[in-house]
PDB file of N, CA and C in Angstrom:
ATOM      1  N   UNK A   1     -10.781 142.908  12.372  1.00  0.00           N
ATOM      2  CA  UNK A   1      -9.832 141.838  12.554  1.00  0.00           C
ATOM      3  C   UNK A   1      -9.647 141.112  11.226  1.00  0.00           C
ATOM      4  N   UNK A   2      -8.422 140.727  10.935  1.00  0.00           N
ATOM      5  CA  UNK A   2      -8.109 140.012   9.691  1.00  0.00           C
ATOM      6  C   UNK A   2      -7.974 138.524   9.975  1.00  0.00           C
ATOM      7  N   UNK A   3      -8.621 137.710   9.132  1.00  0.00           N
ATOM      8  CA  UNK A   3      -8.615 136.256   9.293  1.00  0.00           C
ATOM      9  C   UNK A   3      -7.988 135.624   8.056  1.00  0.00           C
ATOM     10  N   UNK A   4      -7.087 134.678   8.268  1.00  0.00           N
ATOM     11  CA  UNK A   4      -6.407 133.986   7.174  1.00  0.00           C
ATOM     12  C   UNK A   4      -6.942 132.569   7.047  1.00  0.00           C
ATOM     13  N   UNK A   5      -7.257 132.187   5.815  1.00  0.00           N
ATOM     14  CA  UNK A   5      -7.768 130.848   5.550  1.00  0.00           C
ATOM     15  C   UNK A   5      -7.663 130.571   4.056  1.00  0.00           C
ATOM     16  N   UNK A   6      -7.801 129.301   3.701  1.00  0.00           N
ATOM     17  CA  UNK A   6      -7.744 128.870   2.304  1.00  0.00           C
ATOM     18  C   UNK A   6      -9.024 128.144   1.953  1.00  0.00           C
ATOM     19  N   UNK A   7      -9.568 128.476   0.789  1.00  0.00           N
ATOM     20  CA  UNK A   7     -10.729 127.765   0.266  1.00  0.00           C
ATOM     21  C   UNK A   7     -10.299 126.940  -0.934  1.00  0.00           C
ATOM     22  N   UNK A   8     -10.667 125.677  -0.930  1.00  0.00           N
ATOM     23  CA  UNK A   8     -10.516 124.832  -2.116  1.00  0.00           C
ATOM     24  C   UNK A   8     -11.826 124.960  -2.882  1.00  0.00           C
ATOM     25  N   UNK A   9     -11.731 125.278  -4.169  1.00  0.00           N
ATOM     26  CA  UNK A   9     -12.909 125.651  -4.951  1.00  0.00           C
ATOM     27  C   UNK A   9     -13.056 124.743  -6.172  1.00  0.00           C
ATOM     28  N   UNK A  10     -14.299 124.375  -6.467  1.00  0.00           N
ATOM     29  CA  UNK A  10     -14.599 123.676  -7.716  1.00  0.00           C
ATOM     30  C   UNK A  10     -15.511 124.578  -8.544  1.00  0.00           C
ATOM     31  N   UNK A  11     -15.695 124.229  -9.812  1.00  0.00           N
ATOM     32  CA  UNK A  11     -16.576 124.993 -10.678  1.00  0.00           C
ATOM     33  C   UNK A  11     -15.914 126.170 -11.360  1.00  0.00           C
ATOM     34  N   UNK A  12     -14.657 126.418 -11.067  1.00  0.00           N
ATOM     35  CA  UNK A  12     -13.876 127.452 -11.736  1.00  0.00           C
ATOM     36  C   UNK A  12     -12.828 126.725 -12.569  1.00  0.00           C
ATOM     37  N   UNK A  13     -12.868 126.911 -13.878  1.00  0.00           N
ATOM     38  CA  UNK A  13     -11.968 126.196 -14.789  1.00  0.00           C
ATOM     39  C   UNK A  13     -10.700 127.012 -15.020  1.00  0.00           C
ATOM     40  N   UNK A  14      -9.577 126.601 -14.413  1.00  0.00           N
ATOM     41  CA  UNK A  14      -8.345 127.377 -14.542  1.00  0.00           C
ATOM     42  C   UNK A  14      -7.707 127.304 -15.928  1.00  0.00           C
ATOM     43  N   UNK A  15      -8.243 126.465 -16.805  1.00  0.00           N
ATOM     44  CA  UNK A  15      -7.689 126.397 -18.165  1.00  0.00           C
ATOM     45  C   UNK A  15      -8.321 127.431 -19.088  1.00  0.00           C
ATOM     46  N   UNK A  16      -9.390 128.064 -18.634  1.00  0.00           N
ATOM     47  CA  UNK A  16     -10.056 129.091 -19.439  1.00  0.00           C
ATOM     48  C   UNK A  16      -9.303 130.411 -19.326  1.00  0.00           C
ATOM     49  N   UNK A  17      -9.224 131.147 -20.420  1.00  0.00           N
ATOM     50  CA  UNK A  17      -8.582 132.467 -20.346  1.00  0.00           C
ATOM     51  C   UNK A  17      -9.334 133.373 -19.359  1.00  0.00           C
ATOM     52  N   UNK A  18      -8.586 134.144 -18.624  1.00  0.00           N
ATOM     53  CA  UNK A  18      -9.148 135.124 -17.677  1.00  0.00           C
ATOM     54  C   UNK A  18     -10.075 134.501 -16.637  1.00  0.00           C
ATOM     55  N   UNK A  19      -9.797 133.274 -16.235  1.00  0.00           N
ATOM     56  CA  UNK A  19     -10.657 132.585 -15.264  1.00  0.00           C
ATOM     57  C   UNK A  19     -10.718 133.310 -13.922  1.00  0.00           C
ATOM     58  N   UNK A  20      -9.724 134.139 -13.637  1.00  0.00           N
ATOM     59  CA  UNK A  20      -9.709 134.856 -12.359  1.00  0.00           C
ATOM     60  C   UNK A  20     -10.646 136.053 -12.344  1.00  0.00           C
ATOM     61  N   UNK A  21     -11.010 136.563 -13.509  1.00  0.00           N
ATOM     62  CA  UNK A  21     -11.831 137.778 -13.569  1.00  0.00           C
ATOM     63  C   UNK A  21     -13.142 137.657 -12.798  1.00  0.00           C
ATOM     64  N   UNK A  22     -13.935 136.586 -12.989  1.00  0.00           N
ATOM     65  CA  UNK A  22     -15.185 136.496 -12.218  1.00  0.00           C
ATOM     66  C   UNK A  22     -14.951 136.452 -10.707  1.00  0.00           C
ATOM     67  N   UNK A  23     -13.849 135.843 -10.285  1.00  0.00           N
ATOM     68  CA  UNK A  23     -13.545 135.793  -8.853  1.00  0.00           C
ATOM     69  C   UNK A  23     -13.270 137.192  -8.312  1.00  0.00           C
ATOM     70  N   UNK A  24     -12.433 137.944  -9.015  1.00  0.00           N
ATOM     71  CA  UNK A  24     -12.124 139.302  -8.564  1.00  0.00           C
ATOM     72  C   UNK A  24     -13.360 140.196  -8.624  1.00  0.00           C
ATOM     73  N   UNK A  25     -14.135 140.071  -9.673  1.00  0.00           N
ATOM     74  CA  UNK A  25     -15.344 140.887  -9.815  1.00  0.00           C
ATOM     75  C   UNK A  25     -16.380 140.563  -8.744  1.00  0.00           C
ATOM     76  N   UNK A  26     -16.385 139.337  -8.254  1.00  0.00           N
ATOM     77  CA  UNK A  26     -17.329 138.922  -7.213  1.00  0.00           C
ATOM     78  C   UNK A  26     -16.885 139.337  -5.814  1.00  0.00           C
ATOM     79  N   UNK A  27     -15.652 139.840  -5.681  1.00  0.00           N
ATOM     80  CA  UNK A  27     -15.186 140.311  -4.382  1.00  0.00           C
ATOM     81  C   UNK A  27     -14.024 139.556  -3.792  1.00  0.00           C
ATOM     82  N   UNK A  28     -13.446 138.626  -4.545  1.00  0.00           N
ATOM     83  CA  UNK A  28     -12.313 137.850  -4.036  1.00  0.00           C
ATOM     84  C   UNK A  28     -10.977 138.537  -4.310  1.00  0.00           C
ATOM     85  N   UNK A  29     -10.987 139.859  -4.348  1.00  0.00           N
ATOM     86  CA  UNK A  29      -9.759 140.597  -4.629  1.00  0.00           C
ATOM     87  C   UNK A  29      -8.803 140.624  -3.441  1.00  0.00           C
ATOM     88  N   UNK A  30      -9.201 140.047  -2.319  1.00  0.00           N
ATOM     89  CA  UNK A  30      -8.320 139.926  -1.162  1.00  0.00           C
ATOM     90  C   UNK A  30      -7.743 138.515  -1.044  1.00  0.00           C
ATOM     91  N   UNK A  31      -7.805 137.758  -2.135  1.00  0.00           N
ATOM     92  CA  UNK A  31      -7.307 136.376  -2.141  1.00  0.00           C
ATOM     93  C   UNK A  31      -6.175 136.221  -3.143  1.00  0.00           C
ATOM     94  N   UNK A  32      -5.237 135.393  -2.790  1.00  0.00           N
ATOM     95  CA  UNK A  32      -4.207 134.947  -3.720  1.00  0.00           C
ATOM     96  C   UNK A  32      -4.740 133.673  -4.349  1.00  0.00           C
ATOM     97  N   UNK A  33      -4.819 133.654  -5.674  1.00  0.00           N
ATOM     98  CA  UNK A  33      -5.380 132.503  -6.383  1.00  0.00           C
ATOM     99  C   UNK A  33      -4.243 131.596  -6.821  1.00  0.00           C
ATOM    100  N   UNK A  34      -4.336 130.327  -6.420  1.00  0.00           N
ATOM    101  CA  UNK A  34      -3.309 129.341  -6.712  1.00  0.00           C
ATOM    102  C   UNK A  34      -3.969 128.133  -7.368  1.00  0.00           C
ATOM    103  N   UNK A  35      -3.330 127.614  -8.410  1.00  0.00           N
ATOM    104  CA  UNK A  35      -3.808 126.382  -9.048  1.00  0.00           C
ATOM    105  C   UNK A  35      -2.734 125.329  -8.853  1.00  0.00           C
ATOM    106  N   UNK A  36      -3.139 124.203  -8.255  1.00  0.00           N
ATOM    107  CA  UNK A  36      -2.217 123.100  -8.019  1.00  0.00           C
ATOM    108  C   UNK A  36      -2.871 121.825  -8.523  1.00  0.00           C
ATOM    109  N   UNK A  37      -2.244 121.180  -9.491  1.00  0.00           N
ATOM    110  CA  UNK A  37      -2.777 119.947 -10.089  1.00  0.00           C
ATOM    111  C   UNK A  37      -4.208 120.144 -10.591  1.00  0.00           C
ATOM    112  N   UNK A  38      -4.475 121.316 -11.168  1.00  0.00           N
ATOM    113  CA  UNK A  38      -5.780 121.607 -11.740  1.00  0.00           C
ATOM    114  C   UNK A  38      -6.843 122.025 -10.744  1.00  0.00           C
ATOM    115  N   UNK A  39      -6.487 122.109  -9.464  1.00  0.00           N
ATOM    116  CA  UNK A  39      -7.434 122.494  -8.419  1.00  0.00           C
ATOM    117  C   UNK A  39      -7.171 123.954  -8.039  1.00  0.00           C
ATOM    118  N   UNK A  40      -8.260 124.725  -7.921  1.00  0.00           N
ATOM    119  CA  UNK A  40      -8.156 126.139  -7.575  1.00  0.00           C
ATOM    120  C   UNK A  40      -8.247 126.302  -6.058  1.00  0.00           C
ATOM    121  N   UNK A  41      -7.283 127.040  -5.507  1.00  0.00           N
ATOM    122  CA  UNK A  41      -7.258 127.384  -4.090  1.00  0.00           C
ATOM    123  C   UNK A  41      -7.230 128.901  -3.966  1.00  0.00           C
ATOM    124  N   UNK A  42      -7.969 129.424  -3.026  1.00  0.00           N
ATOM    125  CA  UNK A  42      -7.973 130.853  -2.752  1.00  0.00           C
ATOM    126  C   UNK A  42      -7.439 131.070  -1.349  1.00  0.00           C
ATOM    127  N   UNK A  43      -6.285 131.716  -1.242  1.00  0.00           N
ATOM    128  CA  UNK A  43      -5.686 132.036   0.053  1.00  0.00           C
ATOM    129  C   UNK A  43      -6.149 133.438   0.450  1.00  0.00           C
ATOM    130  N   UNK A  44      -7.001 133.506   1.455  1.00  0.00           N
ATOM    131  CA  UNK A  44      -7.599 134.771   1.877  1.00  0.00           C
ATOM    132  C   UNK A  44      -6.925 135.356   3.102  1.00  0.00           C
ATOM    133  N   UNK A  45      -6.925 136.652   3.157  1.00  0.00           N
ATOM    134  CA  UNK A  45      -6.710 137.438   4.368  1.00  0.00           C
ATOM    135  C   UNK A  45      -7.847 138.439   4.359  1.00  0.00           C
ATOM    136  N   UNK A  46      -8.936 138.077   5.015  1.00  0.00           N
ATOM    137  CA  UNK A  46     -10.191 138.834   4.924  1.00  0.00           C
ATOM    138  C   UNK A  46     -10.524 139.469   6.267  1.00  0.00           C
ATOM    139  N   UNK A  47     -10.903 140.733   6.197  1.00  0.00           N
ATOM    140  CA  UNK A  47     -11.335 141.437   7.400  1.00  0.00           C
ATOM    141  C   UNK A  47     -12.810 141.158   7.652  1.00  0.00           C
ATOM    142  N   UNK A  48     -13.108 140.820   8.908  1.00  0.00           N
ATOM    143  CA  UNK A  48     -14.482 140.544   9.329  1.00  0.00           C
ATOM    144  C   UNK A  48     -14.496 140.492  10.855  1.00  0.00           C
ATOM    145  N   UNK A  49     -15.681 140.650  11.456  1.00  0.00           N
ATOM    146  CA  UNK A  49     -15.763 140.597  12.921  1.00  0.00           C
ATOM    147  C   UNK A  49     -15.359 139.249  13.508  1.00  0.00           C
ATOM    148  N   UNK A  50     -15.602 138.159  12.760  1.00  0.00           N
ATOM    149  CA  UNK A  50     -15.263 136.830  13.265  1.00  0.00           C
ATOM    150  C   UNK A  50     -14.738 135.964  12.112  1.00  0.00           C
ATOM    151  N   UNK A  51     -14.107 134.860  12.480  1.00  0.00           N
ATOM    152  CA  UNK A  51     -13.615 133.925  11.471  1.00  0.00           C
ATOM    153  C   UNK A  51     -14.776 133.393  10.634  1.00  0.00           C
ATOM    154  N   UNK A  52     -15.863 133.014  11.288  1.00  0.00           N
ATOM    155  CA  UNK A  52     -17.033 132.486  10.576  1.00  0.00           C
ATOM    156  C   UNK A  52     -17.593 133.502   9.583  1.00  0.00           C
ATOM    157  N   UNK A  53     -17.664 134.764   9.992  1.00  0.00           N
ATOM    158  CA  UNK A  53     -18.149 135.802   9.091  1.00  0.00           C
ATOM    159  C   UNK A  53     -17.235 135.949   7.880  1.00  0.00           C
ATOM    160  N   UNK A  54     -15.932 135.853   8.100  1.00  0.00           N
ATOM    161  CA  UNK A  54     -14.971 135.976   7.005  1.00  0.00           C
ATOM    162  C   UNK A  54     -15.148 134.841   6.011  1.00  0.00           C
ATOM    163  N   UNK A  55     -15.270 133.617   6.512  1.00  0.00           N
ATOM    164  CA  UNK A  55     -15.432 132.453   5.635  1.00  0.00           C
ATOM    165  C   UNK A  55     -16.755 132.521   4.888  1.00  0.00           C
ATOM    166  N   UNK A  56     -17.825 132.887   5.584  1.00  0.00           N
ATOM    167  CA  UNK A  56     -19.139 132.963   4.940  1.00  0.00           C
ATOM    168  C   UNK A  56     -19.158 134.003   3.828  1.00  0.00           C
ATOM    169  N   UNK A  57     -18.536 135.149   4.052  1.00  0.00           N
ATOM    170  CA  UNK A  57     -18.532 136.176   3.012  1.00  0.00           C
ATOM    171  C   UNK A  57     -17.674 135.758   1.825  1.00  0.00           C
ATOM    172  N   UNK A  58     -16.569 135.067   2.084  1.00  0.00           N
ATOM    173  CA  UNK A  58     -15.733 134.576   0.993  1.00  0.00           C
ATOM    174  C   UNK A  58     -16.459 133.495   0.203  1.00  0.00           C
ATOM    175  N   UNK A  59     -17.155 132.619   0.900  1.00  0.00           N
ATOM    176  CA  UNK A  59     -17.917 131.570   0.224  1.00  0.00           C
ATOM    177  C   UNK A  59     -19.015 132.181  -0.646  1.00  0.00           C
ATOM    178  N   UNK A  60     -19.669 133.196  -0.145  1.00  0.00           N
ATOM    179  CA  UNK A  60     -20.706 133.888  -0.918  1.00  0.00           C
ATOM    180  C   UNK A  60     -20.103 134.480  -2.202  1.00  0.00           C
ATOM    181  N   UNK A  61     -18.912 135.060  -2.096  1.00  0.00           N
ATOM    182  CA  UNK A  61     -18.248 135.631  -3.275  1.00  0.00           C
ATOM    183  C   UNK A  61     -17.897 134.546  -4.292  1.00  0.00           C
ATOM    184  N   UNK A  62     -17.436 133.397  -3.815  1.00  0.00           N
ATOM    185  CA  UNK A  62     -17.100 132.283  -4.705  1.00  0.00           C
ATOM    186  C   UNK A  62     -18.347 131.812  -5.453  1.00  0.00           C
ATOM    187  N   UNK A  63     -19.462 131.721  -4.760  1.00  0.00           N
ATOM    188  CA  UNK A  63     -20.716 131.297  -5.387  1.00  0.00           C
ATOM    189  C   UNK A  63     -21.144 132.309  -6.446  1.00  0.00           C
ATOM    190  N   UNK A  64     -21.026 133.583  -6.146  1.00  0.00           N
ATOM    191  CA  UNK A  64     -21.368 134.626  -7.120  1.00  0.00           C
ATOM    192  C   UNK A  64     -20.513 134.477  -8.372  1.00  0.00           C
ATOM    193  N   UNK A  65     -19.258 134.071  -8.203  1.00  0.00           N
ATOM    194  CA  UNK A  65     -18.337 133.898  -9.333  1.00  0.00           C
ATOM    195  C   UNK A  65     -18.608 132.613 -10.110  1.00  0.00           C
ATOM    196  N   UNK A  66     -19.510 131.778  -9.618  1.00  0.00           N
ATOM    197  CA  UNK A  66     -19.849 130.544 -10.319  1.00  0.00           C
ATOM    198  C   UNK A  66     -19.169 129.306  -9.785  1.00  0.00           C
ATOM    199  N   UNK A  67     -18.499 129.428  -8.645  1.00  0.00           N
ATOM    200  CA  UNK A  67     -17.802 128.286  -8.058  1.00  0.00           C
ATOM    201  C   UNK A  67     -18.525 127.726  -6.855  1.00  0.00           C
ATOM    202  N   UNK A  68     -17.868 126.754  -6.242  1.00  0.00           N
ATOM    203  CA  UNK A  68     -18.405 126.091  -5.046  1.00  0.00           C
ATOM    204  C   UNK A  68     -17.243 125.771  -4.130  1.00  0.00           C
ATOM    205  N   UNK A  69     -17.413 126.019  -2.844  1.00  0.00           N
ATOM    206  CA  UNK A  69     -16.354 125.722  -1.876  1.00  0.00           C
ATOM    207  C   UNK A  69     -16.408 124.245  -1.518  1.00  0.00           C
ATOM    208  N   UNK A  70     -15.273 123.574  -1.713  1.00  0.00           N
ATOM    209  CA  UNK A  70     -15.157 122.152  -1.412  1.00  0.00           C
ATOM    210  C   UNK A  70     -14.634 121.953   0.011  1.00  0.00           C
ATOM    211  N   UNK A  71     -13.685 122.795   0.413  1.00  0.00           N
ATOM    212  CA  UNK A  71     -13.044 122.615   1.706  1.00  0.00           C
ATOM    213  C   UNK A  71     -12.522 123.958   2.202  1.00  0.00           C
ATOM    214  N   UNK A  72     -12.560 124.150   3.514  1.00  0.00           N
ATOM    215  CA  UNK A  72     -11.991 125.331   4.157  1.00  0.00           C
ATOM    216  C   UNK A  72     -10.829 124.866   4.997  1.00  0.00           C
ATOM    217  N   UNK A  73      -9.706 125.547   4.848  1.00  0.00           N
ATOM    218  CA  UNK A  73      -8.530 125.221   5.654  1.00  0.00           C
ATOM    219  C   UNK A  73      -8.133 126.459   6.439  1.00  0.00           C
ATOM    220  N   UNK A  74      -7.974 126.291   7.739  1.00  0.00           N
ATOM    221  CA  UNK A  74      -7.557 127.394   8.598  1.00  0.00           C
ATOM    222  C   UNK A  74      -6.051 127.561   8.518  1.00  0.00           C
ATOM    223  N   UNK A  75      -5.649 128.776   8.615  1.00  0.00           N
ATOM    224  CA  UNK A  75      -4.212 129.059   8.688  1.00  0.00           C
ATOM    225  C   UNK A  75      -3.891 129.399  10.137  1.00  0.00           C
ATOM    226  N   UNK A  76      -2.747 128.914  10.616  1.00  0.00           N
ATOM    227  CA  UNK A  76      -2.397 129.198  12.024  1.00  0.00           C
ATOM    228  C   UNK A  76      -2.114 130.667  12.263  1.00  0.00           C
TER     229      UNK A  76
END
């Protein structure tokens, strides 16, 4: 099952060159990365058995990339 959600992330500096590389290398290649007013958002469509599993695995990937999840937003 595919689950759609957005993570607001801190600890990733969008002003640095190639800032997306650690995110993709950590497994966030199923996310659209958006920067709005200097804040990084990851729009996911992640396959997992449950919504919670999808969010937990995405959060784990963000941590591996050196970031921290500030907020989770569900998509309808």
